Amino acid sequence: SDLPKVGIKLPDTDKEIDELIDEHLVAMRDWNRRYVAAARPVKKMLRLVVGGMRGTPTLQMSTACRDLYAESAALLADRQALDCPNDNVARALKSAYGHIEEAALACTQGHSSAVQVEIGKAEESLHVSAEILAVYGMAP
């Protein structure tokens, strides 16, 4: 009883396997350059918000929360930045930045405990992506 063919051609030689790996690594490096550039404004605003959470709320903090919300929403809408060739990384990053967006929204509404919860969830997802990206010599 022969199994039906499913139309997927698997590599036959070590050379073909090496070529597939090389193509994947090139795709990961290309994606990483886009991601790092797109995530930079979110990371900058997140540092300001987290730092500001330790102090007394100010007008600057309110602006930082709104800016974090805008930057995280823009990043979530940027398919090229978050659509990593590794699906597990893509899922983890989309989850992380979704939680950051929720944290920013809670921040604009003055709900500091919700901000902390969402940032904690974002950190968990970023940790997952970091573990996978470390294999490629990359970080989220």
N, C-alpha and C. Protein backbone atom coordinates (compact mmCIF):
# COMPACT_ATOMS: atom_id res chain seq x y z
N SER A 1 0.84 -1.19 0.00
CA SER A 1 0.00 0.00 0.00
C SER A 1 0.88 1.24 0.00
N ASP A 2 1.04 1.85 -1.14
CA ASP A 2 1.85 3.06 -1.26
C ASP A 2 1.07 4.25 -0.76
N LEU A 3 1.77 5.17 -0.12
CA LEU A 3 1.14 6.40 0.35
C LEU A 3 0.99 7.36 -0.82
N PRO A 4 -0.08 8.14 -0.84
CA PRO A 4 -0.25 9.11 -1.93
C PRO A 4 0.79 10.21 -1.85
N LYS A 5 1.16 10.74 -2.97
CA LYS A 5 2.09 11.87 -3.01
C LYS A 5 1.32 13.15 -2.68
N VAL A 6 1.95 14.02 -1.91
CA VAL A 6 1.26 15.23 -1.48
C VAL A 6 1.77 16.49 -2.18
N GLY A 7 2.71 16.35 -3.08
CA GLY A 7 3.15 17.51 -3.85
C GLY A 7 4.22 18.35 -3.19
N ILE A 8 4.80 17.86 -2.11
CA ILE A 8 5.89 18.59 -1.46
C ILE A 8 7.18 17.89 -1.82
N LYS A 9 8.10 18.63 -2.41
CA LYS A 9 9.38 18.03 -2.76
C LYS A 9 10.36 18.29 -1.64
N LEU A 10 10.80 17.24 -1.03
CA LEU A 10 11.79 17.35 0.03
C LEU A 10 13.18 17.34 -0.59
N PRO A 11 14.12 18.01 0.08
CA PRO A 11 15.48 18.02 -0.48
C PRO A 11 16.07 16.60 -0.50
N ASP A 12 16.79 16.29 -1.58
CA ASP A 12 17.36 14.97 -1.74
C ASP A 12 18.81 14.88 -1.26
N THR A 13 19.50 16.00 -1.29
CA THR A 13 20.93 15.95 -0.98
C THR A 13 21.26 16.94 0.13
N ASP A 14 22.42 16.74 0.73
CA ASP A 14 22.89 17.67 1.75
C ASP A 14 23.03 19.08 1.18
N LYS A 15 23.43 19.16 -0.09
CA LYS A 15 23.58 20.47 -0.73
C LYS A 15 22.24 21.19 -0.80
N GLU A 16 21.18 20.46 -1.18
CA GLU A 16 19.84 21.07 -1.24
C GLU A 16 19.38 21.49 0.15
N ILE A 17 19.67 20.70 1.15
CA ILE A 17 19.32 21.06 2.53
C ILE A 17 20.06 22.33 2.94
N ASP A 18 21.36 22.38 2.64
CA ASP A 18 22.15 23.58 2.97
C ASP A 18 21.60 24.81 2.26
N GLU A 19 21.18 24.66 1.01
CA GLU A 19 20.62 25.79 0.27
C GLU A 19 19.32 26.29 0.91
N LEU A 20 18.47 25.36 1.35
CA LEU A 20 17.23 25.75 2.02
C LEU A 20 17.53 26.49 3.33
N ILE A 21 18.50 25.99 4.07
CA ILE A 21 18.89 26.64 5.33
C ILE A 21 19.42 28.04 5.04
N ASP A 22 20.28 28.16 4.03
CA ASP A 22 20.83 29.47 3.67
C ASP A 22 19.72 30.45 3.28
N GLU A 23 18.76 29.98 2.49
CA GLU A 23 17.63 30.83 2.08
C GLU A 23 16.84 31.30 3.30
N HIS A 24 16.63 30.38 4.22
CA HIS A 24 15.88 30.72 5.44
C HIS A 24 16.65 31.76 6.27
N LEU A 25 17.95 31.57 6.40
CA LEU A 25 18.76 32.53 7.17
C LEU A 25 18.77 33.91 6.53
N VAL A 26 18.84 33.95 5.22
CA VAL A 26 18.79 35.24 4.51
C VAL A 26 17.43 35.90 4.75
N ALA A 27 16.35 35.12 4.66
CA ALA A 27 15.01 35.67 4.90
C ALA A 27 14.89 36.18 6.33
N MET A 28 15.47 35.45 7.29
CA MET A 28 15.42 35.89 8.70
C MET A 28 16.21 37.19 8.87
N ARG A 29 17.38 37.27 8.27
CA ARG A 29 18.18 38.51 8.41
C ARG A 29 17.46 39.69 7.77
N ASP A 30 16.87 39.49 6.60
CA ASP A 30 16.12 40.58 5.93
C ASP A 30 14.95 41.02 6.80
N TRP A 31 14.21 40.05 7.32
CA TRP A 31 13.08 40.37 8.20
C TRP A 31 13.57 41.11 9.44
N ASN A 32 14.66 40.64 10.04
CA ASN A 32 15.15 41.24 11.28
C ASN A 32 15.50 42.71 11.11
N ARG A 33 16.09 43.05 9.97
CA ARG A 33 16.42 44.47 9.72
C ARG A 33 15.14 45.32 9.71
N ARG A 34 14.09 44.82 9.05
CA ARG A 34 12.82 45.56 9.01
C ARG A 34 12.21 45.65 10.41
N TYR A 35 12.21 44.54 11.12
CA TYR A 35 11.62 44.50 12.46
C TYR A 35 12.33 45.46 13.41
N VAL A 36 13.64 45.41 13.46
CA VAL A 36 14.40 46.25 14.39
C VAL A 36 14.09 47.73 14.15
N ALA A 37 14.07 48.13 12.90
CA ALA A 37 13.78 49.54 12.57
C ALA A 37 12.35 49.91 12.97
N ALA A 38 11.40 49.02 12.69
CA ALA A 38 9.99 49.32 12.99
C ALA A 38 9.70 49.29 14.49
N ALA A 39 10.40 48.45 15.23
CA ALA A 39 10.13 48.31 16.67
C ALA A 39 10.83 49.38 17.51
N ARG A 40 11.83 50.03 16.96
CA ARG A 40 12.62 51.01 17.72
C ARG A 40 11.75 52.09 18.38
N PRO A 41 10.80 52.73 17.67
CA PRO A 41 9.99 53.77 18.33
C PRO A 41 9.13 53.21 19.47
N VAL A 42 8.63 51.99 19.32
CA VAL A 42 7.81 51.38 20.38
C VAL A 42 8.67 51.15 21.61
N LYS A 43 9.85 50.59 21.41
CA LYS A 43 10.74 50.31 22.54
C LYS A 43 11.13 51.60 23.27
N LYS A 44 11.38 52.66 22.49
CA LYS A 44 11.74 53.95 23.10
C LYS A 44 10.59 54.48 23.97
N MET A 45 9.38 54.45 23.42
CA MET A 45 8.23 54.96 24.18
C MET A 45 7.92 54.05 25.37
N LEU A 46 8.11 52.76 25.21
CA LEU A 46 7.85 51.82 26.31
C LEU A 46 8.79 52.11 27.48
N ARG A 47 10.05 52.38 27.18
CA ARG A 47 11.00 52.73 28.26
C ARG A 47 10.54 53.98 29.00
N LEU A 48 10.06 54.98 28.25
CA LEU A 48 9.58 56.22 28.88
C LEU A 48 8.36 55.93 29.77
N VAL A 49 7.44 55.13 29.28
CA VAL A 49 6.22 54.83 30.05
C VAL A 49 6.56 54.02 31.30
N VAL A 50 7.37 52.99 31.14
CA VAL A 50 7.74 52.16 32.30
C VAL A 50 8.50 53.00 33.32
N GLY A 51 9.41 53.83 32.85
CA GLY A 51 10.13 54.73 33.75
C GLY A 51 9.21 55.71 34.44
N GLY A 52 8.26 56.24 33.71
CA GLY A 52 7.31 57.20 34.26
C GLY A 52 6.34 56.58 35.24
N MET A 53 6.09 55.27 35.11
CA MET A 53 5.16 54.59 36.03
C MET A 53 5.71 54.59 37.45
N ARG A 54 7.01 54.72 37.58
CA ARG A 54 7.63 54.70 38.91
C ARG A 54 7.47 56.03 39.64
N GLY A 55 7.15 57.08 38.91
CA GLY A 55 7.05 58.40 39.50
C GLY A 55 5.61 58.87 39.58
N THR A 56 5.47 60.16 39.82
CA THR A 56 4.15 60.78 39.88
C THR A 56 3.66 61.04 38.46
N PRO A 57 2.39 60.70 38.16
CA PRO A 57 1.87 60.96 36.80
C PRO A 57 2.00 62.45 36.44
N THR A 58 2.43 62.69 35.23
CA THR A 58 2.61 64.05 34.74
C THR A 58 1.98 64.17 33.37
N LEU A 59 1.94 65.39 32.87
CA LEU A 59 1.45 65.62 31.51
C LEU A 59 2.34 64.90 30.50
N GLN A 60 3.66 64.88 30.78
CA GLN A 60 4.58 64.16 29.90
C GLN A 60 4.24 62.68 29.85
N MET A 61 3.84 62.14 30.99
CA MET A 61 3.48 60.72 31.05
C MET A 61 2.25 60.45 30.18
N SER A 62 1.29 61.34 30.25
CA SER A 62 0.08 61.19 29.44
C SER A 62 0.42 61.20 27.95
N THR A 63 1.31 62.08 27.56
CA THR A 63 1.77 62.16 26.18
C THR A 63 2.51 60.89 25.79
N ALA A 64 3.36 60.40 26.68
CA ALA A 64 4.12 59.17 26.42
C ALA A 64 3.18 57.99 26.22
N CYS A 65 2.12 57.92 27.02
CA CYS A 65 1.14 56.83 26.89
C CYS A 65 0.45 56.88 25.53
N ARG A 66 0.03 58.08 25.12
CA ARG A 66 -0.62 58.23 23.82
C ARG A 66 0.34 57.89 22.68
N ASP A 67 1.59 58.34 22.83
CA ASP A 67 2.59 58.04 21.80
C ASP A 67 2.89 56.54 21.73
N LEU A 68 2.96 55.89 22.89
CA LEU A 68 3.18 54.44 22.91
C LEU A 68 2.02 53.73 22.22
N TYR A 69 0.82 54.18 22.49
CA TYR A 69 -0.35 53.57 21.85
C TYR A 69 -0.26 53.73 20.33
N ALA A 70 0.05 54.92 19.87
CA ALA A 70 0.14 55.18 18.43
C ALA A 70 1.25 54.36 17.78
N GLU A 71 2.41 54.31 18.43
CA GLU A 71 3.54 53.56 17.87
C GLU A 71 3.27 52.06 17.86
N SER A 72 2.66 51.54 18.93
CA SER A 72 2.40 50.10 18.97
C SER A 72 1.31 49.72 17.96
N ALA A 73 0.31 50.57 17.78
CA ALA A 73 -0.72 50.31 16.78
C ALA A 73 -0.11 50.31 15.38
N ALA A 74 0.79 51.26 15.13
CA ALA A 74 1.46 51.32 13.82
C ALA A 74 2.30 50.07 13.58
N LEU A 75 3.00 49.60 14.61
CA LEU A 75 3.81 48.40 14.45
C LEU A 75 2.93 47.18 14.20
N LEU A 76 1.84 47.07 14.93
CA LEU A 76 0.93 45.93 14.72
C LEU A 76 0.33 45.93 13.31
N ALA A 77 0.18 47.10 12.73
CA ALA A 77 -0.36 47.21 11.37
C ALA A 77 0.70 46.96 10.29
N ASP A 78 1.95 46.97 10.69
CA ASP A 78 3.06 46.80 9.75
C ASP A 78 3.34 45.31 9.55
N ARG A 79 2.69 44.72 8.58
CA ARG A 79 2.79 43.27 8.36
C ARG A 79 4.23 42.84 8.07
N GLN A 80 4.98 43.64 7.33
CA GLN A 80 6.35 43.27 7.00
C GLN A 80 7.23 43.20 8.24
N ALA A 81 6.95 44.04 9.23
CA ALA A 81 7.78 44.06 10.42
C ALA A 81 7.54 42.87 11.32
N LEU A 82 6.30 42.42 11.41
CA LEU A 82 5.97 41.35 12.36
C LEU A 82 5.78 39.99 11.71
N ASP A 83 5.68 39.92 10.39
CA ASP A 83 5.52 38.63 9.73
C ASP A 83 6.88 37.97 9.52
N CYS A 84 7.40 37.45 10.60
CA CYS A 84 8.69 36.77 10.60
C CYS A 84 8.59 35.46 9.82
N PRO A 85 9.65 35.07 9.11
CA PRO A 85 9.64 33.77 8.42
C PRO A 85 9.45 32.58 9.38
N ASN A 86 9.78 32.77 10.64
CA ASN A 86 9.54 31.74 11.65
C ASN A 86 8.18 32.05 12.28
N ASP A 87 7.21 31.21 12.03
CA ASP A 87 5.83 31.46 12.49
C ASP A 87 5.72 31.59 14.00
N ASN A 88 6.53 30.85 14.75
CA ASN A 88 6.47 30.93 16.20
C ASN A 88 6.93 32.30 16.70
N VAL A 89 7.95 32.83 16.07
CA VAL A 89 8.42 34.18 16.41
C VAL A 89 7.35 35.20 16.05
N ALA A 90 6.76 35.07 14.87
CA ALA A 90 5.72 36.01 14.44
C ALA A 90 4.56 36.03 15.44
N ARG A 91 4.10 34.85 15.85
CA ARG A 91 3.00 34.78 16.83
C ARG A 91 3.38 35.43 18.15
N ALA A 92 4.58 35.12 18.64
CA ALA A 92 5.02 35.67 19.93
C ALA A 92 5.14 37.19 19.87
N LEU A 93 5.70 37.71 18.78
CA LEU A 93 5.86 39.16 18.67
C LEU A 93 4.52 39.87 18.53
N LYS A 94 3.62 39.30 17.74
CA LYS A 94 2.29 39.91 17.60
C LYS A 94 1.57 39.92 18.95
N SER A 95 1.73 38.86 19.70
CA SER A 95 1.13 38.81 21.05
C SER A 95 1.77 39.87 21.94
N ALA A 96 3.09 39.95 21.92
CA ALA A 96 3.80 40.91 22.78
C ALA A 96 3.36 42.34 22.48
N TYR A 97 3.36 42.70 21.20
CA TYR A 97 3.00 44.08 20.85
C TYR A 97 1.52 44.35 21.02
N GLY A 98 0.70 43.32 20.93
CA GLY A 98 -0.72 43.47 21.28
C GLY A 98 -0.88 43.82 22.75
N HIS A 99 -0.11 43.15 23.60
CA HIS A 99 -0.15 43.47 25.04
C HIS A 99 0.42 44.86 25.33
N ILE A 100 1.44 45.24 24.58
CA ILE A 100 2.00 46.60 24.75
C ILE A 100 0.95 47.64 24.35
N GLU A 101 0.23 47.38 23.27
CA GLU A 101 -0.83 48.30 22.85
C GLU A 101 -1.91 48.39 23.95
N GLU A 102 -2.28 47.25 24.52
CA GLU A 102 -3.27 47.25 25.62
C GLU A 102 -2.73 48.00 26.83
N ALA A 103 -1.44 47.83 27.12
CA ALA A 103 -0.82 48.55 28.24
C ALA A 103 -0.88 50.06 27.99
N ALA A 104 -0.60 50.45 26.76
CA ALA A 104 -0.63 51.87 26.41
C ALA A 104 -2.03 52.44 26.56
N LEU A 105 -3.02 51.68 26.12
CA LEU A 105 -4.41 52.12 26.26
C LEU A 105 -4.77 52.28 27.74
N ALA A 106 -4.41 51.28 28.54
CA ALA A 106 -4.68 51.36 29.99
C ALA A 106 -3.95 52.55 30.60
N CYS A 107 -2.76 52.82 30.11
CA CYS A 107 -1.97 53.95 30.60
C CYS A 107 -2.67 55.28 30.30
N THR A 108 -3.24 55.40 29.10
CA THR A 108 -3.93 56.65 28.74
C THR A 108 -5.15 56.86 29.62
N GLN A 109 -5.67 55.76 30.17
CA GLN A 109 -6.86 55.83 31.04
C GLN A 109 -6.50 55.86 32.52
N GLY A 110 -5.20 55.86 32.81
CA GLY A 110 -4.74 55.95 34.19
C GLY A 110 -4.87 54.67 35.00
N HIS A 111 -4.95 53.53 34.34
CA HIS A 111 -5.09 52.24 35.03
C HIS A 111 -3.72 51.58 35.18
N SER A 112 -2.96 52.02 36.17
CA SER A 112 -1.57 51.57 36.30
C SER A 112 -1.46 50.07 36.57
N SER A 113 -2.40 49.49 37.31
CA SER A 113 -2.30 48.05 37.57
C SER A 113 -2.50 47.26 36.28
N ALA A 114 -3.41 47.70 35.42
CA ALA A 114 -3.62 47.04 34.13
C ALA A 114 -2.39 47.19 33.24
N VAL A 115 -1.73 48.33 33.33
CA VAL A 115 -0.50 48.55 32.56
C VAL A 115 0.53 47.50 32.96
N GLN A 116 0.69 47.32 34.26
CA GLN A 116 1.68 46.35 34.75
C GLN A 116 1.35 44.93 34.32
N VAL A 117 0.08 44.57 34.36
CA VAL A 117 -0.34 43.22 33.94
C VAL A 117 -0.03 43.02 32.46
N GLU A 118 -0.39 43.97 31.64
CA GLU A 118 -0.17 43.85 30.19
C GLU A 118 1.32 43.84 29.85
N ILE A 119 2.10 44.65 30.53
CA ILE A 119 3.54 44.65 30.29
C ILE A 119 4.14 43.30 30.70
N GLY A 120 3.64 42.74 31.79
CA GLY A 120 4.09 41.41 32.19
C GLY A 120 3.80 40.36 31.13
N LYS A 121 2.61 40.43 30.54
CA LYS A 121 2.25 39.49 29.47
C LYS A 121 3.13 39.73 28.24
N ALA A 122 3.40 40.99 27.94
CA ALA A 122 4.26 41.31 26.80
C ALA A 122 5.66 40.75 27.03
N GLU A 123 6.16 40.89 28.24
CA GLU A 123 7.50 40.37 28.55
C GLU A 123 7.56 38.86 28.38
N GLU A 124 6.50 38.16 28.76
CA GLU A 124 6.45 36.70 28.57
C GLU A 124 6.55 36.35 27.09
N SER A 125 5.78 37.05 26.26
CA SER A 125 5.81 36.77 24.82
C SER A 125 7.15 37.15 24.21
N LEU A 126 7.73 38.25 24.67
CA LEU A 126 9.05 38.64 24.16
C LEU A 126 10.11 37.61 24.55
N HIS A 127 9.96 37.03 25.74
CA HIS A 127 10.90 36.00 26.19
C HIS A 127 10.81 34.78 25.26
N VAL A 128 9.60 34.38 24.89
CA VAL A 128 9.41 33.26 23.96
C VAL A 128 10.11 33.57 22.64
N SER A 129 9.88 34.76 22.11
CA SER A 129 10.50 35.11 20.82
C SER A 129 12.02 35.19 20.96
N ALA A 130 12.50 35.67 22.10
CA ALA A 130 13.95 35.78 22.32
C ALA A 130 14.62 34.41 22.31
N GLU A 131 13.97 33.43 22.92
CA GLU A 131 14.54 32.09 22.95
C GLU A 131 14.68 31.51 21.54
N ILE A 132 13.68 31.75 20.72
CA ILE A 132 13.74 31.24 19.34
C ILE A 132 14.74 32.04 18.50
N LEU A 133 14.70 33.36 18.64
CA LEU A 133 15.59 34.21 17.84
C LEU A 133 17.05 34.00 18.20
N ALA A 134 17.34 33.58 19.43
CA ALA A 134 18.71 33.34 19.85
C ALA A 134 19.39 32.29 18.96
N VAL A 135 18.61 31.35 18.46
CA VAL A 135 19.14 30.32 17.55
C VAL A 135 19.74 30.98 16.29
N TYR A 136 19.15 32.10 15.90
CA TYR A 136 19.60 32.81 14.71
C TYR A 136 20.61 33.92 15.04
N GLY A 137 20.96 34.06 16.31
CA GLY A 137 21.84 35.14 16.72
C GLY A 137 21.15 36.48 16.72
N MET A 138 19.84 36.47 16.96
CA MET A 138 19.02 37.70 16.94
C MET A 138 18.29 37.86 18.26
N ALA A 139 17.76 39.04 18.48
CA ALA A 139 16.97 39.32 19.67
C ALA A 139 15.75 40.15 19.28
N PRO A 140 14.67 40.03 20.08
CA PRO A 140 13.46 40.81 19.73
C PRO A 140 13.64 42.30 20.01
